[in-house]
Structures are given as C-alpha cells and as structure tokens.
C-alpha cells in the first residue's frame, strides 16, 4: 500500500516537466537568423598546374543544404542524438553530414555548439521536385562529456538556422 501511495505522489509532482527528466534537457528547435558569407573570387583565366601522376588534393564538394526544417535532441544512455531534417534546393542530394563548424565538438564561450548541415549534389542536372522528394534526414551522436559543456545546439543551412536551448 505504501509503494502504491508513493508512486502516485511521485507521478503527480510534475516529473514530466521536471529538469531532472532527460526528455526535458533541450527544448524544441526554433528558427534563427543566419549570416551569409561571400566566397572569395576565383580567376578562371589562371591555369591550375597538375601532372599526370598527381592525384591532387581531395576536393570537398559539399554545400550547405537549402534550409533546416526540424531539429530534435533526444537523450540516450550514453549522451544524446541530434536529429536534423532539411530540404535541399533540388533532388538527388547524398552524403548528408552534420559537421561541427569548428571541426571539433567544442562549443564556443557561450556554450553554443554549431553544426553545418552539408550535402553533395550529383554532377548532372536534376529536377527540383516537391519538398517531400528533397527532404534529407541526418543525425549526430554526442557523449555525456560533450553535453556537459553545451548550452545551445545550432544547425546552420544556406537560408536559415535552427537552435535548441538546454532548459
């Protein structure tokens, strides 16, 4: 009888909205403004030197996805998983990646960890199509040690950014 009474009291005290509940560690993702950068001009008249045997540097062909539409952070036994959904500019994107913007999983001085949501498009032209055919899902795992330093998780796309704050 005492066990039943204790469980009823515990259930009614607001566990669902408590900060102790891992499902409440981060809020829902919301859209924020993003600053656009202009690329440095490239002179196409200067030839690039290469030899027959030279493979050359690996070229990163990834570009930011068009826009981010959803951001979720779900707790796991070992930390959390950051889920992001975005819509590409045209059909056929592949090699989606949530890449930390500083190349490491270190948040800035305000505790903000920023991910760039990048994809690669095919070399050939592809149709635009509907939003459903251009939707891309990607996830990134964070450990408990990494989460300890993070207050805000931000995912940046070409047209917008979304962030989720720790409650």
N, C-alpha and C. Protein backbone atom coordinates (compact mmCIF):
# COMPACT_ATOMS: atom_id res chain seq x y z
N UNK A 1 0.82 -1.18 0.00
CA UNK A 1 0.00 0.00 0.00
C UNK A 1 0.88 1.27 0.00
N UNK A 2 1.97 1.22 0.77
CA UNK A 2 2.87 2.36 0.84
C UNK A 2 3.56 2.60 -0.51
N UNK A 3 3.91 1.55 -1.21
CA UNK A 3 4.54 1.67 -2.52
C UNK A 3 3.59 2.30 -3.54
N UNK A 4 2.34 1.91 -3.52
CA UNK A 4 1.34 2.48 -4.44
C UNK A 4 1.14 3.96 -4.12
N UNK A 5 1.04 4.31 -2.86
CA UNK A 5 0.86 5.69 -2.46
C UNK A 5 2.07 6.54 -2.87
N UNK A 6 3.27 6.02 -2.67
CA UNK A 6 4.48 6.75 -3.05
C UNK A 6 4.55 6.96 -4.56
N UNK A 7 4.18 5.97 -5.35
CA UNK A 7 4.22 6.12 -6.81
C UNK A 7 3.18 7.12 -7.29
N UNK A 8 2.02 7.17 -6.67
CA UNK A 8 1.00 8.16 -7.05
C UNK A 8 1.47 9.57 -6.71
N UNK A 9 2.08 9.75 -5.56
CA UNK A 9 2.58 11.07 -5.18
C UNK A 9 3.69 11.50 -6.12
N UNK A 10 4.60 10.59 -6.43
CA UNK A 10 5.70 10.91 -7.34
C UNK A 10 5.20 11.24 -8.74
N UNK A 11 4.19 10.51 -9.21
CA UNK A 11 3.65 10.77 -10.55
C UNK A 11 2.93 12.10 -10.61
N UNK A 12 2.35 12.55 -9.54
CA UNK A 12 1.58 13.78 -9.57
C UNK A 12 2.43 15.02 -9.31
N UNK A 13 3.69 14.85 -8.95
CA UNK A 13 4.51 16.02 -8.60
C UNK A 13 5.14 16.69 -9.81
N UNK A 14 4.83 16.31 -10.99
CA UNK A 14 5.32 17.00 -12.18
C UNK A 14 6.63 16.47 -12.72
N UNK A 15 6.88 15.20 -12.64
CA UNK A 15 8.10 14.58 -13.18
C UNK A 15 8.27 14.89 -14.65
N UNK A 16 7.14 14.96 -15.37
CA UNK A 16 7.19 15.19 -16.80
C UNK A 16 7.79 16.55 -17.12
N UNK A 17 7.55 17.56 -16.28
CA UNK A 17 8.06 18.91 -16.52
C UNK A 17 9.31 19.22 -15.71
N UNK A 18 9.84 18.25 -15.02
CA UNK A 18 10.99 18.46 -14.15
C UNK A 18 12.28 18.57 -14.97
N UNK A 19 13.26 19.31 -14.44
CA UNK A 19 14.56 19.42 -15.10
C UNK A 19 15.37 18.14 -14.95
N UNK A 20 14.96 17.26 -14.03
CA UNK A 20 15.65 16.00 -13.82
C UNK A 20 15.32 15.02 -14.93
N UNK A 21 14.16 15.16 -15.53
CA UNK A 21 13.71 14.28 -16.62
C UNK A 21 14.60 14.52 -17.84
N UNK A 22 15.32 13.51 -18.38
CA UNK A 22 16.22 13.70 -19.53
C UNK A 22 15.50 14.16 -20.79
N UNK A 23 14.23 13.90 -20.91
CA UNK A 23 13.50 14.36 -22.10
C UNK A 23 13.33 15.88 -22.11
N UNK A 24 13.57 16.54 -21.01
CA UNK A 24 13.41 17.99 -20.92
C UNK A 24 14.74 18.73 -20.96
N UNK A 25 15.83 18.06 -21.27
CA UNK A 25 17.12 18.73 -21.26
C UNK A 25 17.23 19.81 -22.32
N UNK A 26 16.65 19.59 -23.48
CA UNK A 26 16.67 20.58 -24.55
C UNK A 26 15.25 20.83 -24.99
N UNK A 27 14.96 22.05 -25.42
CA UNK A 27 13.63 22.39 -25.91
C UNK A 27 13.48 22.00 -27.37
N UNK A 28 12.35 22.36 -27.94
CA UNK A 28 12.13 22.11 -29.36
C UNK A 28 12.97 23.07 -30.18
N UNK A 29 13.35 22.66 -31.37
CA UNK A 29 14.16 23.52 -32.23
C UNK A 29 13.35 24.69 -32.73
N UNK A 30 13.98 25.87 -32.80
CA UNK A 30 13.32 27.05 -33.35
C UNK A 30 14.24 27.71 -34.36
N UNK A 31 13.65 28.41 -35.30
CA UNK A 31 14.41 29.02 -36.38
C UNK A 31 15.05 30.31 -35.92
N UNK A 32 16.31 30.53 -36.33
CA UNK A 32 17.04 31.75 -36.02
C UNK A 32 17.66 32.29 -37.31
N UNK A 33 18.05 33.55 -37.31
CA UNK A 33 18.65 34.17 -38.49
C UNK A 33 20.06 33.65 -38.70
N UNK A 34 20.50 33.61 -39.97
CA UNK A 34 21.84 33.14 -40.30
C UNK A 34 22.53 34.20 -41.16
N UNK A 35 23.81 34.42 -40.89
CA UNK A 35 24.59 35.38 -41.67
C UNK A 35 25.15 34.68 -42.90
N UNK A 36 25.08 35.36 -44.06
CA UNK A 36 25.60 34.77 -45.29
C UNK A 36 27.00 35.31 -45.54
N UNK A 37 27.85 34.44 -46.07
CA UNK A 37 29.21 34.81 -46.39
C UNK A 37 29.39 34.80 -47.90
N UNK A 38 30.20 35.71 -48.41
CA UNK A 38 30.50 35.72 -49.84
C UNK A 38 31.84 35.03 -50.05
N UNK A 39 31.90 34.21 -51.06
CA UNK A 39 33.14 33.48 -51.36
C UNK A 39 34.13 34.41 -52.04
N UNK A 40 35.41 34.13 -51.85
CA UNK A 40 36.42 34.95 -52.50
C UNK A 40 36.40 34.67 -54.00
N UNK A 41 36.64 35.69 -54.81
CA UNK A 41 36.58 35.49 -56.26
C UNK A 41 37.71 34.60 -56.76
N UNK A 42 37.39 33.79 -57.75
CA UNK A 42 38.37 32.89 -58.36
C UNK A 42 38.58 33.35 -59.80
N UNK A 43 39.83 33.43 -60.19
CA UNK A 43 40.14 33.85 -61.55
C UNK A 43 40.20 32.62 -62.44
N UNK A 44 39.23 32.44 -63.36
CA UNK A 44 39.23 31.25 -64.20
C UNK A 44 40.28 31.29 -65.31
N UNK A 45 40.95 32.41 -65.50
CA UNK A 45 41.95 32.52 -66.57
C UNK A 45 43.32 32.01 -66.14
N UNK A 46 43.54 31.83 -64.85
CA UNK A 46 44.82 31.31 -64.38
C UNK A 46 44.74 29.79 -64.39
N UNK A 47 45.59 29.14 -65.18
CA UNK A 47 45.52 27.67 -65.25
C UNK A 47 46.01 27.02 -63.96
N UNK A 48 45.44 25.90 -63.67
CA UNK A 48 45.85 25.14 -62.50
C UNK A 48 46.93 24.16 -62.93
N UNK A 49 48.04 24.13 -62.24
CA UNK A 49 49.13 23.22 -62.60
C UNK A 49 48.83 21.84 -62.07
N UNK A 50 49.11 20.85 -62.90
CA UNK A 50 48.96 19.46 -62.45
C UNK A 50 49.83 18.56 -63.32
N UNK A 51 50.18 17.44 -62.77
CA UNK A 51 50.94 16.46 -63.53
C UNK A 51 50.06 15.24 -63.74
N UNK A 52 50.53 14.34 -64.55
CA UNK A 52 49.76 13.14 -64.85
C UNK A 52 49.67 12.24 -63.63
N UNK A 53 50.76 12.17 -62.85
CA UNK A 53 50.80 11.28 -61.70
C UNK A 53 50.20 11.89 -60.43
N UNK A 54 49.98 13.15 -60.45
CA UNK A 54 49.47 13.82 -59.26
C UNK A 54 47.97 13.61 -59.11
N UNK A 55 47.59 13.10 -57.94
CA UNK A 55 46.17 12.93 -57.67
C UNK A 55 45.51 14.24 -57.31
N UNK A 56 46.26 15.09 -56.66
CA UNK A 56 45.72 16.37 -56.25
C UNK A 56 45.03 16.27 -54.91
N UNK A 57 44.70 17.40 -54.35
CA UNK A 57 44.03 17.39 -53.05
C UNK A 57 42.59 16.90 -53.18
N UNK A 58 42.12 16.34 -52.10
CA UNK A 58 40.73 15.89 -52.08
C UNK A 58 39.84 17.14 -52.00
N UNK A 59 38.93 17.24 -52.93
CA UNK A 59 38.06 18.41 -53.00
C UNK A 59 36.76 18.11 -52.27
N UNK A 60 36.42 19.00 -51.35
CA UNK A 60 35.16 18.87 -50.64
C UNK A 60 34.08 19.54 -51.49
N UNK A 61 33.20 18.72 -52.07
CA UNK A 61 32.14 19.24 -52.94
C UNK A 61 30.85 19.51 -52.18
N UNK A 62 30.88 19.36 -50.88
CA UNK A 62 29.65 19.54 -50.12
C UNK A 62 29.29 21.01 -50.02
N UNK A 63 27.99 21.26 -50.01
CA UNK A 63 27.43 22.61 -49.88
C UNK A 63 26.37 22.58 -48.79
N UNK A 64 26.07 23.73 -48.20
CA UNK A 64 25.01 23.75 -47.20
C UNK A 64 23.65 23.39 -47.82
N UNK A 65 22.85 22.66 -47.06
CA UNK A 65 21.50 22.32 -47.51
C UNK A 65 20.69 23.60 -47.59
N UNK A 66 19.63 23.60 -48.38
CA UNK A 66 18.82 24.80 -48.58
C UNK A 66 18.31 25.40 -47.29
N UNK A 67 17.53 24.63 -46.53
CA UNK A 67 17.02 25.14 -45.25
C UNK A 67 16.77 23.98 -44.29
N UNK A 68 16.87 24.26 -43.02
CA UNK A 68 16.61 23.29 -41.97
C UNK A 68 15.16 23.45 -41.54
N UNK A 69 14.44 22.33 -41.47
CA UNK A 69 13.02 22.40 -41.10
C UNK A 69 12.72 21.83 -39.73
N UNK A 70 13.60 20.98 -39.20
CA UNK A 70 13.35 20.38 -37.89
C UNK A 70 14.67 20.10 -37.19
N UNK A 71 14.67 20.30 -35.88
CA UNK A 71 15.83 19.99 -35.05
C UNK A 71 15.31 19.36 -33.76
N UNK A 72 15.79 18.15 -33.46
CA UNK A 72 15.41 17.44 -32.24
C UNK A 72 16.68 16.94 -31.57
N UNK A 73 16.66 16.91 -30.25
CA UNK A 73 17.76 16.32 -29.50
C UNK A 73 17.13 15.33 -28.53
N UNK A 74 17.47 14.06 -28.72
CA UNK A 74 16.88 13.00 -27.91
C UNK A 74 17.96 12.35 -27.06
N UNK A 75 17.68 12.18 -25.75
CA UNK A 75 18.67 11.58 -24.87
C UNK A 75 18.83 10.09 -25.11
N UNK A 76 20.04 9.60 -24.87
CA UNK A 76 20.35 8.17 -24.94
C UNK A 76 21.07 7.80 -23.65
N UNK A 77 21.40 6.52 -23.50
CA UNK A 77 22.14 6.09 -22.31
C UNK A 77 23.54 6.68 -22.26
N UNK A 78 24.11 6.97 -23.41
CA UNK A 78 25.49 7.46 -23.45
C UNK A 78 25.59 8.96 -23.72
N UNK A 79 24.49 9.67 -23.86
CA UNK A 79 24.51 11.10 -24.15
C UNK A 79 23.23 11.55 -24.81
N UNK A 80 23.34 11.96 -26.07
CA UNK A 80 22.18 12.41 -26.83
C UNK A 80 22.46 12.29 -28.32
N UNK A 81 21.38 12.30 -29.09
CA UNK A 81 21.48 12.27 -30.55
C UNK A 81 20.80 13.52 -31.08
N UNK A 82 21.51 14.26 -31.94
CA UNK A 82 20.98 15.45 -32.58
C UNK A 82 20.40 15.02 -33.92
N UNK A 83 19.10 15.19 -34.10
CA UNK A 83 18.42 14.86 -35.36
C UNK A 83 18.09 16.16 -36.07
N UNK A 84 18.44 16.25 -37.35
CA UNK A 84 18.11 17.42 -38.16
C UNK A 84 17.46 16.97 -39.46
N UNK A 85 16.46 17.72 -39.88
CA UNK A 85 15.79 17.48 -41.15
C UNK A 85 15.89 18.76 -41.97
N UNK A 86 16.24 18.60 -43.24
CA UNK A 86 16.37 19.77 -44.10
C UNK A 86 15.80 19.50 -45.48
N UNK A 87 15.61 20.57 -46.23
CA UNK A 87 15.10 20.47 -47.60
C UNK A 87 16.15 21.04 -48.54
N UNK A 88 16.58 20.21 -49.48
CA UNK A 88 17.61 20.59 -50.44
C UNK A 88 17.01 21.48 -51.54
N UNK A 89 17.87 22.14 -52.28
CA UNK A 89 17.43 23.02 -53.36
C UNK A 89 16.90 22.24 -54.56
N UNK A 90 17.43 21.02 -54.77
CA UNK A 90 16.97 20.18 -55.88
C UNK A 90 17.07 18.72 -55.46
N UNK A 91 16.57 17.84 -56.29
CA UNK A 91 16.55 16.41 -55.97
C UNK A 91 17.94 15.79 -56.12
N UNK A 92 18.14 14.68 -55.42
CA UNK A 92 19.35 13.89 -55.59
C UNK A 92 20.47 14.15 -54.63
N UNK A 93 20.29 14.86 -53.51
CA UNK A 93 21.42 15.07 -52.62
C UNK A 93 21.85 13.77 -51.95
N UNK A 94 23.13 13.66 -51.66
CA UNK A 94 23.64 12.49 -50.97
C UNK A 94 24.78 12.93 -50.06
N UNK A 95 25.32 12.00 -49.30
CA UNK A 95 26.39 12.24 -48.32
C UNK A 95 26.05 13.41 -47.39
N UNK A 96 24.85 13.35 -46.82
CA UNK A 96 24.46 14.36 -45.84
C UNK A 96 25.32 14.23 -44.61
N UNK A 97 25.66 15.36 -44.00
CA UNK A 97 26.56 15.35 -42.85
C UNK A 97 26.26 16.54 -41.95
N UNK A 98 26.14 16.27 -40.66
CA UNK A 98 26.11 17.34 -39.67
C UNK A 98 27.54 17.50 -39.19
N UNK A 99 28.21 18.52 -39.67
CA UNK A 99 29.63 18.72 -39.41
C UNK A 99 29.81 19.88 -38.43
N UNK A 100 30.52 19.66 -37.31
CA UNK A 100 30.78 20.78 -36.40
C UNK A 100 31.52 21.89 -37.13
N UNK A 101 31.09 23.13 -36.93
CA UNK A 101 31.66 24.23 -37.70
C UNK A 101 33.11 24.53 -37.33
N UNK A 102 33.53 24.16 -36.12
CA UNK A 102 34.92 24.41 -35.75
C UNK A 102 35.78 23.14 -35.88
N UNK A 103 35.30 22.15 -36.59
CA UNK A 103 35.99 20.88 -36.88
C UNK A 103 36.19 20.01 -35.64
N UNK A 104 35.78 20.47 -34.50
CA UNK A 104 35.84 19.69 -33.27
C UNK A 104 34.51 19.89 -32.55
N UNK A 105 34.24 19.05 -31.61
CA UNK A 105 32.99 19.18 -30.85
C UNK A 105 33.19 20.04 -29.61
N UNK A 106 33.71 21.25 -29.82
CA UNK A 106 33.95 22.17 -28.72
C UNK A 106 33.02 23.37 -28.90
N UNK A 107 32.16 23.62 -27.91
CA UNK A 107 31.28 24.79 -28.03
C UNK A 107 32.06 26.09 -27.85
N UNK A 108 31.48 27.21 -28.29
CA UNK A 108 32.14 28.50 -28.10
C UNK A 108 32.02 28.94 -26.64
N UNK A 109 32.46 30.17 -26.33
CA UNK A 109 32.48 30.63 -24.95
C UNK A 109 31.10 30.76 -24.32
N UNK A 110 30.05 30.83 -25.13
CA UNK A 110 28.67 30.90 -24.62
C UNK A 110 28.02 29.52 -24.52
N UNK A 111 28.75 28.46 -24.82
CA UNK A 111 28.20 27.11 -24.76
C UNK A 111 27.40 26.72 -25.98
N UNK A 112 27.63 27.40 -27.12
CA UNK A 112 26.89 27.12 -28.35
C UNK A 112 27.71 26.18 -29.23
N UNK A 113 27.14 25.03 -29.55
CA UNK A 113 27.77 24.09 -30.48
C UNK A 113 27.05 24.23 -31.81
N UNK A 114 27.79 24.61 -32.86
CA UNK A 114 27.20 24.87 -34.17
C UNK A 114 27.57 23.75 -35.14
N UNK A 115 26.54 23.21 -35.80
CA UNK A 115 26.73 22.21 -36.85
C UNK A 115 26.38 22.83 -38.19
N UNK A 116 27.17 22.52 -39.23
CA UNK A 116 26.84 22.87 -40.60
C UNK A 116 26.18 21.66 -41.23
N UNK A 117 24.99 21.83 -41.79
CA UNK A 117 24.25 20.74 -42.43
C UNK A 117 24.63 20.75 -43.90
N UNK A 118 25.55 19.87 -44.30
CA UNK A 118 26.08 19.85 -45.67
C UNK A 118 25.62 18.62 -46.43
N UNK A 119 25.47 18.79 -47.74
CA UNK A 119 25.11 17.70 -48.65
C UNK A 119 25.94 17.83 -49.92
N UNK A 120 25.91 16.80 -50.73
CA UNK A 120 26.58 16.82 -52.03
C UNK A 120 25.52 16.55 -53.09
N UNK A 121 25.54 17.35 -54.15
CA UNK A 121 24.61 17.16 -55.27
C UNK A 121 25.29 16.37 -56.39
N UNK A 122 24.50 15.67 -57.20
CA UNK A 122 25.08 14.98 -58.36
C UNK A 122 25.68 15.99 -59.35
N UNK A 123 26.61 15.53 -60.18
CA UNK A 123 27.22 16.40 -61.19
C UNK A 123 26.24 16.78 -62.29
N UNK A 124 25.30 15.90 -62.54
CA UNK A 124 24.33 16.18 -63.61
C UNK A 124 23.17 17.02 -63.06
N UNK A 125 22.45 17.64 -63.95
CA UNK A 125 21.29 18.44 -63.55
C UNK A 125 20.16 17.52 -63.09
N UNK A 126 19.49 17.91 -62.03
CA UNK A 126 18.36 17.15 -61.51
C UNK A 126 17.18 18.09 -61.34
N UNK A 127 15.96 17.55 -61.41
CA UNK A 127 14.79 18.43 -61.26
C UNK A 127 14.64 18.91 -59.83
N UNK A 128 13.85 19.96 -59.66
CA UNK A 128 13.60 20.50 -58.33
C UNK A 128 12.65 19.58 -57.57
N UNK A 129 11.51 19.27 -58.11
CA UNK A 129 10.56 18.37 -57.47
C UNK A 129 9.90 18.97 -56.25
N UNK A 130 9.11 18.16 -55.56
CA UNK A 130 8.39 18.63 -54.38
C UNK A 130 9.29 18.61 -53.15
N UNK A 131 8.83 19.25 -52.09
CA UNK A 131 9.61 19.28 -50.84
C UNK A 131 9.85 17.88 -50.30
N UNK A 132 8.87 17.01 -50.44
CA UNK A 132 8.99 15.65 -49.92
C UNK A 132 10.13 14.89 -50.60
N UNK A 133 10.33 15.10 -51.89
CA UNK A 133 11.39 14.39 -52.61
C UNK A 133 12.76 14.99 -52.37
N UNK A 134 12.83 16.18 -51.75
CA UNK A 134 14.10 16.83 -51.47
C UNK A 134 14.47 16.82 -49.98
N UNK A 135 13.64 16.16 -49.17
CA UNK A 135 13.86 16.13 -47.72
C UNK A 135 14.99 15.18 -47.37
N UNK A 136 15.88 15.65 -46.50
CA UNK A 136 17.05 14.89 -46.07
C UNK A 136 17.07 14.85 -44.55
N UNK A 137 17.33 13.67 -43.98
CA UNK A 137 17.44 13.49 -42.52
C UNK A 137 18.88 13.12 -42.18
N UNK A 138 19.38 13.68 -41.10
CA UNK A 138 20.74 13.37 -40.66
C UNK A 138 20.79 13.46 -39.14
N UNK A 139 21.71 12.71 -38.54
CA UNK A 139 21.85 12.69 -37.08
C UNK A 139 23.33 12.68 -36.70
N UNK A 140 23.59 13.15 -35.48
CA UNK A 140 24.95 13.15 -34.95
C UNK A 140 24.87 12.82 -33.46
N UNK A 141 25.73 11.93 -33.01
CA UNK A 141 25.72 11.49 -31.61
C UNK A 141 26.67 12.33 -30.77
N UNK A 142 26.22 12.66 -29.55
CA UNK A 142 27.04 13.40 -28.59
C UNK A 142 27.16 12.58 -27.31
N UNK A 143 28.34 12.58 -26.72
CA UNK A 143 28.55 11.85 -25.47
C UNK A 143 28.12 12.73 -24.29
N UNK A 144 28.04 12.12 -23.11
CA UNK A 144 27.68 12.87 -21.91
C UNK A 144 28.73 13.93 -21.58
N UNK A 145 30.01 13.64 -21.84
CA UNK A 145 31.07 14.60 -21.59
C UNK A 145 30.93 15.82 -22.50
N UNK A 146 30.59 15.59 -23.76
CA UNK A 146 30.39 16.70 -24.69
C UNK A 146 29.16 17.51 -24.31
N UNK A 147 28.10 16.83 -23.87
CA UNK A 147 26.87 17.52 -23.49
C UNK A 147 27.06 18.40 -22.26
N UNK A 148 27.98 18.04 -21.39
CA UNK A 148 28.18 18.80 -20.16
C UNK A 148 28.59 20.25 -20.44
N UNK A 149 29.28 20.49 -21.56
CA UNK A 149 29.75 21.84 -21.90
C UNK A 149 28.79 22.61 -22.79
N UNK A 150 27.73 21.96 -23.28
CA UNK A 150 26.86 22.55 -24.29
C UNK A 150 25.60 23.13 -23.65
N UNK A 151 25.27 24.38 -23.99
CA UNK A 151 24.03 25.02 -23.56
C UNK A 151 23.04 25.13 -24.73
N UNK A 152 23.56 25.33 -25.94
CA UNK A 152 22.73 25.51 -27.13
C UNK A 152 23.32 24.70 -28.27
N UNK A 153 22.45 24.00 -29.02
CA UNK A 153 22.87 23.31 -30.24
C UNK A 153 22.23 24.04 -31.42
N UNK A 154 23.05 24.46 -32.38
CA UNK A 154 22.57 25.20 -33.55
C UNK A 154 22.95 24.44 -34.81
N UNK A 155 22.00 24.32 -35.74
CA UNK A 155 22.24 23.69 -37.05
C UNK A 155 22.03 24.77 -38.10
N UNK A 156 23.06 24.99 -38.94
CA UNK A 156 23.05 26.07 -39.92
C UNK A 156 22.88 25.51 -41.32
N UNK A 157 21.99 26.14 -42.10
CA UNK A 157 21.79 25.82 -43.52
C UNK A 157 22.09 27.08 -44.33
N UNK A 158 21.84 27.02 -45.64
CA UNK A 158 22.12 28.16 -46.50
C UNK A 158 21.16 29.32 -46.23
N UNK A 159 19.87 29.03 -46.00
CA UNK A 159 18.87 30.08 -45.87
C UNK A 159 18.46 30.36 -44.43
N UNK A 160 18.69 29.43 -43.52
CA UNK A 160 18.26 29.64 -42.14
C UNK A 160 19.12 28.82 -41.20
N UNK A 161 18.78 28.90 -39.93
CA UNK A 161 19.43 28.09 -38.90
C UNK A 161 18.38 27.79 -37.84
N UNK A 162 18.54 26.66 -37.16
CA UNK A 162 17.65 26.31 -36.06
C UNK A 162 18.51 26.00 -34.85
N UNK A 163 18.00 26.32 -33.67
CA UNK A 163 18.75 26.03 -32.47
C UNK A 163 17.80 25.51 -31.39
N UNK A 164 18.38 24.73 -30.50
CA UNK A 164 17.65 24.18 -29.37
C UNK A 164 18.45 24.48 -28.12
N UNK A 165 17.79 25.10 -27.15
CA UNK A 165 18.46 25.52 -25.91
C UNK A 165 18.22 24.51 -24.82
N UNK A 166 19.19 24.36 -23.96
CA UNK A 166 19.06 23.50 -22.79
C UNK A 166 18.13 24.18 -21.80
N UNK A 167 17.22 23.43 -21.22
CA UNK A 167 16.26 24.01 -20.27
C UNK A 167 16.84 24.09 -18.90
